[in-house]
Amino acid sequence: LSGEALAGFGLTEPGTGSDAGGTQTRAVLD
């Protein structure tokens, strides 16, 4: 909020633009 740092929003993927529900990135709890 001070502008000292920035953050990105990782939604779009190379093969899934408008079809966000087609997300291929996976996260497994280990």
PDB file of all heavy atoms in Angstrom:
ATOM      1  N   LEU A   1       0.814  -1.214   0.000  1.00  0.00           N
ATOM      2  CA  LEU A   1       0.000   0.000   0.000  1.00  0.00           C
ATOM      3  C   LEU A   1       0.845   1.261   0.000  1.00  0.00           C
ATOM      4  O   LEU A   1       0.352   2.339  -0.356  1.00  0.00           O
ATOM      5  CB  LEU A   1      -0.952   0.011   1.201  1.00  0.00           C
ATOM      6  CG  LEU A   1      -1.876  -1.201   1.366  1.00  0.00           C
ATOM      7  CD1 LEU A   1      -2.973  -0.910   2.361  1.00  0.00           C
ATOM      8  CD2 LEU A   1      -2.467  -1.625   0.036  1.00  0.00           C
ATOM      9  N   SER A   2       2.099   1.152   0.378  1.00  0.00           N
ATOM     10  CA  SER A   2       3.000   2.312   0.336  1.00  0.00           C
ATOM     11  C   SER A   2       3.710   2.431  -1.001  1.00  0.00           C
ATOM     12  O   SER A   2       4.380   3.439  -1.264  1.00  0.00           O
ATOM     13  CB  SER A   2       4.043   2.196   1.450  1.00  0.00           C
ATOM     14  OG  SER A   2       4.949   1.134   1.182  1.00  0.00           O
ATOM     15  N   GLY A   3       3.591   1.406  -1.829  1.00  0.00           N
ATOM     16  CA  GLY A   3       4.297   1.410  -3.107  1.00  0.00           C
ATOM     17  C   GLY A   3       5.736   0.954  -3.006  1.00  0.00           C
ATOM     18  O   GLY A   3       6.456   0.935  -4.009  1.00  0.00           O
ATOM     19  N   GLU A   4       6.168   0.547  -1.818  1.00  0.00           N
ATOM     20  CA  GLU A   4       7.531   0.029  -1.663  1.00  0.00           C
ATOM     21  C   GLU A   4       7.687  -1.319  -2.346  1.00  0.00           C
ATOM     22  O   GLU A   4       8.790  -1.713  -2.725  1.00  0.00           O
ATOM     23  CB  GLU A   4       7.873  -0.118  -0.178  1.00  0.00           C
ATOM     24  CG  GLU A   4       7.918   1.172   0.603  1.00  0.00           C
ATOM     25  CD  GLU A   4       8.170   0.912   2.076  1.00  0.00           C
ATOM     26  OE1 GLU A   4       9.224   0.330   2.391  1.00  0.00           O
ATOM     27  OE2 GLU A   4       7.294   1.258   2.900  1.00  0.00           O
ATOM     28  N   ALA A   5       6.574  -2.046  -2.471  1.00  0.00           N
ATOM     29  CA  ALA A   5       6.583  -3.364  -3.103  1.00  0.00           C
ATOM     30  C   ALA A   5       5.377  -3.494  -4.019  1.00  0.00           C
ATOM     31  O   ALA A   5       4.370  -2.788  -3.867  1.00  0.00           O
ATOM     32  CB  ALA A   5       6.570  -4.469  -2.043  1.00  0.00           C
ATOM     33  N   LEU A   6       5.484  -4.415  -4.974  1.00  0.00           N
ATOM     34  CA  LEU A   6       4.401  -4.704  -5.901  1.00  0.00           C
ATOM     35  C   LEU A   6       4.053  -6.180  -5.824  1.00  0.00           C
ATOM     36  O   LEU A   6       4.863  -6.999  -5.390  1.00  0.00           O
ATOM     37  CB  LEU A   6       4.807  -4.363  -7.337  1.00  0.00           C
ATOM     38  CG  LEU A   6       5.172  -2.911  -7.638  1.00  0.00           C
ATOM     39  CD1 LEU A   6       5.682  -2.780  -9.064  1.00  0.00           C
ATOM     40  CD2 LEU A   6       3.991  -1.986  -7.403  1.00  0.00           C
ATOM     41  N   ALA A   7       2.853  -6.517  -6.255  1.00  0.00           N
ATOM     42  CA  ALA A   7       2.423  -7.918  -6.303  1.00  0.00           C
ATOM     43  C   ALA A   7       1.760  -8.179  -7.639  1.00  0.00           C
ATOM     44  O   ALA A   7       1.134  -7.295  -8.232  1.00  0.00           O
ATOM     45  CB  ALA A   7       1.452  -8.228  -5.165  1.00  0.00           C
ATOM     46  N   GLY A   8       1.892  -9.418  -8.124  1.00  0.00           N
ATOM     47  CA  GLY A   8       1.251  -9.831  -9.366  1.00  0.00           C
ATOM     48  C   GLY A   8       0.103 -10.779  -9.098  1.00  0.00           C
ATOM     49  O   GLY A   8      -0.012 -11.357  -8.009  1.00  0.00           O
ATOM     50  N   PHE A   9      -0.743 -10.951 -10.103  1.00  0.00           N
ATOM     51  CA  PHE A   9      -1.924 -11.809  -9.997  1.00  0.00           C
ATOM     52  C   PHE A   9      -1.809 -12.888 -11.067  1.00  0.00           C
ATOM     53  O   PHE A   9      -2.022 -12.626 -12.248  1.00  0.00           O
ATOM     54  CB  PHE A   9      -3.185 -10.959 -10.198  1.00  0.00           C
ATOM     55  CG  PHE A   9      -4.487 -11.695 -10.037  1.00  0.00           C
ATOM     56  CD1 PHE A   9      -4.838 -12.258  -8.818  1.00  0.00           C
ATOM     57  CD2 PHE A   9      -5.385 -11.784 -11.089  1.00  0.00           C
ATOM     58  CE1 PHE A   9      -6.059 -12.912  -8.659  1.00  0.00           C
ATOM     59  CE2 PHE A   9      -6.611 -12.430 -10.940  1.00  0.00           C
ATOM     60  CZ  PHE A   9      -6.941 -12.991  -9.723  1.00  0.00           C
ATOM     61  N   GLY A  10      -1.434 -14.094 -10.669  1.00  0.00           N
ATOM     62  CA  GLY A  10      -1.152 -15.173 -11.612  1.00  0.00           C
ATOM     63  C   GLY A  10      -2.381 -15.984 -11.959  1.00  0.00           C
ATOM     64  O   GLY A  10      -2.608 -17.050 -11.363  1.00  0.00           O
ATOM     65  N   LEU A  11      -3.147 -15.508 -12.927  1.00  0.00           N
ATOM     66  CA  LEU A  11      -4.350 -16.211 -13.353  1.00  0.00           C
ATOM     67  C   LEU A  11      -4.187 -16.798 -14.754  1.00  0.00           C
ATOM     68  O   LEU A  11      -4.316 -18.003 -14.961  1.00  0.00           O
ATOM     69  CB  LEU A  11      -5.549 -15.259 -13.328  1.00  0.00           C
ATOM     70  CG  LEU A  11      -6.853 -15.776 -13.948  1.00  0.00           C
ATOM     71  CD1 LEU A  11      -7.348 -17.009 -13.208  1.00  0.00           C
ATOM     72  CD2 LEU A  11      -7.910 -14.678 -13.944  1.00  0.00           C
ATOM     73  N   THR A  12      -3.888 -15.949 -15.741  1.00  0.00           N
ATOM     74  CA  THR A  12      -3.825 -16.376 -17.134  1.00  0.00           C
ATOM     75  C   THR A  12      -2.691 -17.372 -17.369  1.00  0.00           C
ATOM     76  O   THR A  12      -1.606 -17.240 -16.817  1.00  0.00           O
ATOM     77  CB  THR A  12      -3.630 -15.155 -18.050  1.00  0.00           C
ATOM     78  OG1 THR A  12      -4.687 -14.227 -17.818  1.00  0.00           O
ATOM     79  CG2 THR A  12      -3.626 -15.567 -19.508  1.00  0.00           C
ATOM     80  N   GLU A  13      -2.964 -18.355 -18.211  1.00  0.00           N
ATOM     81  CA  GLU A  13      -1.954 -19.354 -18.572  1.00  0.00           C
ATOM     82  C   GLU A  13      -1.767 -19.369 -20.086  1.00  0.00           C
ATOM     83  O   GLU A  13      -2.639 -18.896 -20.829  1.00  0.00           O
ATOM     84  CB  GLU A  13      -2.371 -20.734 -18.062  1.00  0.00           C
ATOM     85  CG  GLU A  13      -2.466 -20.796 -16.548  1.00  0.00           C
ATOM     86  CD  GLU A  13      -2.717 -22.207 -16.016  1.00  0.00           C
ATOM     87  OE1 GLU A  13      -2.857 -23.138 -16.843  1.00  0.00           O
ATOM     88  OE2 GLU A  13      -2.760 -22.361 -14.784  1.00  0.00           O
ATOM     89  N   PRO A  14      -0.633 -19.909 -20.570  1.00  0.00           N
ATOM     90  CA  PRO A  14      -0.373 -19.914 -22.012  1.00  0.00           C
ATOM     91  C   PRO A  14      -1.487 -20.539 -22.839  1.00  0.00           C
ATOM     92  O   PRO A  14      -1.771 -20.097 -23.947  1.00  0.00           O
ATOM     93  CB  PRO A  14       0.927 -20.722 -22.121  1.00  0.00           C
ATOM     94  CG  PRO A  14       1.616 -20.506 -20.815  1.00  0.00           C
ATOM     95  CD  PRO A  14       0.520 -20.436 -19.797  1.00  0.00           C
ATOM     96  N   GLY A  15      -2.151 -21.551 -22.319  1.00  0.00           N
ATOM     97  CA  GLY A  15      -3.192 -22.227 -23.088  1.00  0.00           C
ATOM     98  C   GLY A  15      -4.603 -21.942 -22.617  1.00  0.00           C
ATOM     99  O   GLY A  15      -5.560 -22.510 -23.150  1.00  0.00           O
ATOM    100  N   THR A  16      -4.750 -21.079 -21.617  1.00  0.00           N
ATOM    101  CA  THR A  16      -6.086 -20.792 -21.080  1.00  0.00           C
ATOM    102  C   THR A  16      -6.208 -19.300 -20.830  1.00  0.00           C
ATOM    103  O   THR A  16      -5.899 -18.815 -19.751  1.00  0.00           O
ATOM    104  CB  THR A  16      -6.338 -21.555 -19.763  1.00  0.00           C
ATOM    105  OG1 THR A  16      -5.324 -21.204 -18.809  1.00  0.00           O
ATOM    106  CG2 THR A  16      -6.301 -23.044 -19.987  1.00  0.00           C
ATOM    107  N   GLY A  17      -6.671 -18.576 -21.833  1.00  0.00           N
ATOM    108  CA  GLY A  17      -6.855 -17.140 -21.697  1.00  0.00           C
ATOM    109  C   GLY A  17      -8.215 -16.832 -21.109  1.00  0.00           C
ATOM    110  O   GLY A  17      -8.401 -16.765 -19.899  1.00  0.00           O
ATOM    111  N   SER A  18      -9.225 -16.688 -21.979  1.00  0.00           N
ATOM    112  CA  SER A  18     -10.583 -16.397 -21.504  1.00  0.00           C
ATOM    113  C   SER A  18     -11.176 -17.554 -20.711  1.00  0.00           C
ATOM    114  O   SER A  18     -12.046 -17.358 -19.867  1.00  0.00           O
ATOM    115  CB  SER A  18     -11.497 -16.078 -22.694  1.00  0.00           C
ATOM    116  OG  SER A  18     -11.036 -14.929 -23.380  1.00  0.00           O
ATOM    117  N   ASP A  19     -10.704 -18.767 -20.977  1.00  0.00           N
ATOM    118  CA  ASP A  19     -11.210 -19.958 -20.278  1.00  0.00           C
ATOM    119  C   ASP A  19     -10.419 -20.178 -18.995  1.00  0.00           C
ATOM    120  O   ASP A  19      -9.619 -21.105 -18.877  1.00  0.00           O
ATOM    121  CB  ASP A  19     -11.093 -21.178 -21.193  1.00  0.00           C
ATOM    122  CG  ASP A  19     -11.611 -22.455 -20.523  1.00  0.00           C
ATOM    123  OD1 ASP A  19     -12.340 -22.336 -19.515  1.00  0.00           O
ATOM    124  OD2 ASP A  19     -11.275 -23.544 -21.005  1.00  0.00           O
ATOM    125  N   ALA A  20     -10.662 -19.286 -18.005  1.00  0.00           N
ATOM    126  CA  ALA A  20      -9.916 -19.386 -16.752  1.00  0.00           C
ATOM    127  C   ALA A  20     -10.206 -20.686 -16.018  1.00  0.00           C
ATOM    128  O   ALA A  20      -9.389 -21.184 -15.239  1.00  0.00           O
ATOM    129  CB  ALA A  20     -10.247 -18.191 -15.854  1.00  0.00           C
ATOM    130  N   GLY A  21     -11.381 -21.262 -16.274  1.00  0.00           N
ATOM    131  CA  GLY A  21     -11.716 -22.526 -15.637  1.00  0.00           C
ATOM    132  C   GLY A  21     -10.879 -23.682 -16.154  1.00  0.00           C
ATOM    133  O   GLY A  21     -10.889 -24.770 -15.575  1.00  0.00           O
ATOM    134  N   GLY A  22     -10.140 -23.447 -17.243  1.00  0.00           N
ATOM    135  CA  GLY A  22      -9.286 -24.486 -17.788  1.00  0.00           C
ATOM    136  C   GLY A  22      -7.890 -24.489 -17.200  1.00  0.00           C
ATOM    137  O   GLY A  22      -6.963 -25.051 -17.796  1.00  0.00           O
ATOM    138  N   THR A  23      -7.709 -23.878 -16.056  1.00  0.00           N
ATOM    139  CA  THR A  23      -6.407 -23.797 -15.386  1.00  0.00           C
ATOM    140  C   THR A  23      -5.729 -25.164 -15.305  1.00  0.00           C
ATOM    141  O   THR A  23      -6.337 -26.161 -14.905  1.00  0.00           O
ATOM    142  CB  THR A  23      -6.579 -23.228 -13.957  1.00  0.00           C
ATOM    143  OG1 THR A  23      -7.087 -21.898 -14.049  1.00  0.00           O
ATOM    144  CG2 THR A  23      -5.256 -23.206 -13.204  1.00  0.00           C
ATOM    145  N   GLN A  24      -4.446 -25.194 -15.686  1.00  0.00           N
ATOM    146  CA  GLN A  24      -3.663 -26.428 -15.648  1.00  0.00           C
ATOM    147  C   GLN A  24      -2.643 -26.456 -14.511  1.00  0.00           C
ATOM    148  O   GLN A  24      -2.190 -27.534 -14.112  1.00  0.00           O
ATOM    149  CB  GLN A  24      -2.923 -26.614 -16.980  1.00  0.00           C
ATOM    150  CG  GLN A  24      -3.845 -26.744 -18.189  1.00  0.00           C
ATOM    151  CD  GLN A  24      -4.743 -27.963 -18.097  1.00  0.00           C
ATOM    152  OE1 GLN A  24      -4.272 -29.073 -17.838  1.00  0.00           O
ATOM    153  NE2 GLN A  24      -6.038 -27.758 -18.294  1.00  0.00           N
ATOM    154  N   THR A  25      -2.247 -25.292 -14.010  1.00  0.00           N
ATOM    155  CA  THR A  25      -1.302 -25.252 -12.889  1.00  0.00           C
ATOM    156  C   THR A  25      -1.880 -26.009 -11.704  1.00  0.00           C
ATOM    157  O   THR A  25      -3.060 -25.849 -11.364  1.00  0.00           O
ATOM    158  CB  THR A  25      -1.002 -23.791 -12.496  1.00  0.00           C
ATOM    159  OG1 THR A  25      -0.384 -23.136 -13.593  1.00  0.00           O
ATOM    160  CG2 THR A  25      -0.093 -23.718 -11.286  1.00  0.00           C
ATOM    161  N   ARG A  26      -1.052 -26.822 -11.068  1.00  0.00           N
ATOM    162  CA  ARG A  26      -1.526 -27.650  -9.964  1.00  0.00           C
ATOM    163  C   ARG A  26      -0.713 -27.400  -8.701  1.00  0.00           C
ATOM    164  O   ARG A  26       0.480 -27.102  -8.771  1.00  0.00           O
ATOM    165  CB  ARG A  26      -1.469 -29.138 -10.325  1.00  0.00           C
ATOM    166  CG  ARG A  26      -2.425 -29.497 -11.443  1.00  0.00           C
ATOM    167  CD  ARG A  26      -2.527 -30.989 -11.698  1.00  0.00           C
ATOM    168  NE  ARG A  26      -3.576 -31.267 -12.667  1.00  0.00           N
ATOM    169  CZ  ARG A  26      -4.858 -31.460 -12.359  1.00  0.00           C
ATOM    170  NH1 ARG A  26      -5.227 -31.430 -11.080  1.00  0.00           N
ATOM    171  NH2 ARG A  26      -5.747 -31.691 -13.301  1.00  0.00           N
ATOM    172  N   ALA A  27      -1.394 -27.537  -7.577  1.00  0.00           N
ATOM    173  CA  ALA A  27      -0.740 -27.433  -6.276  1.00  0.00           C
ATOM    174  C   ALA A  27      -1.189 -28.615  -5.421  1.00  0.00           C
ATOM    175  O   ALA A  27      -2.392 -28.845  -5.240  1.00  0.00           O
ATOM    176  CB  ALA A  27      -1.103 -26.112  -5.599  1.00  0.00           C
ATOM    177  N   VAL A  28      -0.219 -29.356  -4.926  1.00  0.00           N
ATOM    178  CA  VAL A  28      -0.496 -30.544  -4.117  1.00  0.00           C
ATOM    179  C   VAL A  28       0.001 -30.294  -2.698  1.00  0.00           C
ATOM    180  O   VAL A  28       1.126 -29.820  -2.498  1.00  0.00           O
ATOM    181  CB  VAL A  28       0.205 -31.788  -4.711  1.00  0.00           C
ATOM    182  CG1 VAL A  28      -0.033 -33.004  -3.826  1.00  0.00           C
ATOM    183  CG2 VAL A  28      -0.297 -32.049  -6.130  1.00  0.00           C
ATOM    184  N   LEU A  29      -0.839 -30.594  -1.722  1.00  0.00           N
ATOM    185  CA  LEU A  29      -0.448 -30.413  -0.331  1.00  0.00           C
ATOM    186  C   LEU A  29       0.420 -31.589   0.100  1.00  0.00           C
ATOM    187  O   LEU A  29      -0.015 -32.738   0.096  1.00  0.00           O
ATOM    188  CB  LEU A  29      -1.694 -30.307   0.549  1.00  0.00           C
ATOM    189  CG  LEU A  29      -1.506 -29.715   1.950  1.00  0.00           C
ATOM    190  CD1 LEU A  29      -0.901 -28.311   1.883  1.00  0.00           C
ATOM    191  CD2 LEU A  29      -2.841 -29.685   2.685  1.00  0.00           C
ATOM    192  N   ASP A  30       1.668 -31.284   0.447  1.00  0.00           N
ATOM    193  CA  ASP A  30       2.626 -32.295   0.898  1.00  0.00           C
ATOM    194  C   ASP A  30       3.043 -31.918   2.314  1.00  0.00           C
ATOM    195  O   ASP A  30       3.912 -31.070   2.513  1.00  0.00           O
ATOM    196  CB  ASP A  30       3.832 -32.322  -0.043  1.00  0.00           C
ATOM    197  CG  ASP A  30       4.858 -33.382   0.357  1.00  0.00           C
ATOM    198  OD1 ASP A  30       4.489 -34.313   1.100  1.00  0.00           O
ATOM    199  OD2 ASP A  30       6.029 -33.247  -0.060  1.00  0.00           O
TER     200      ASP A  30
END
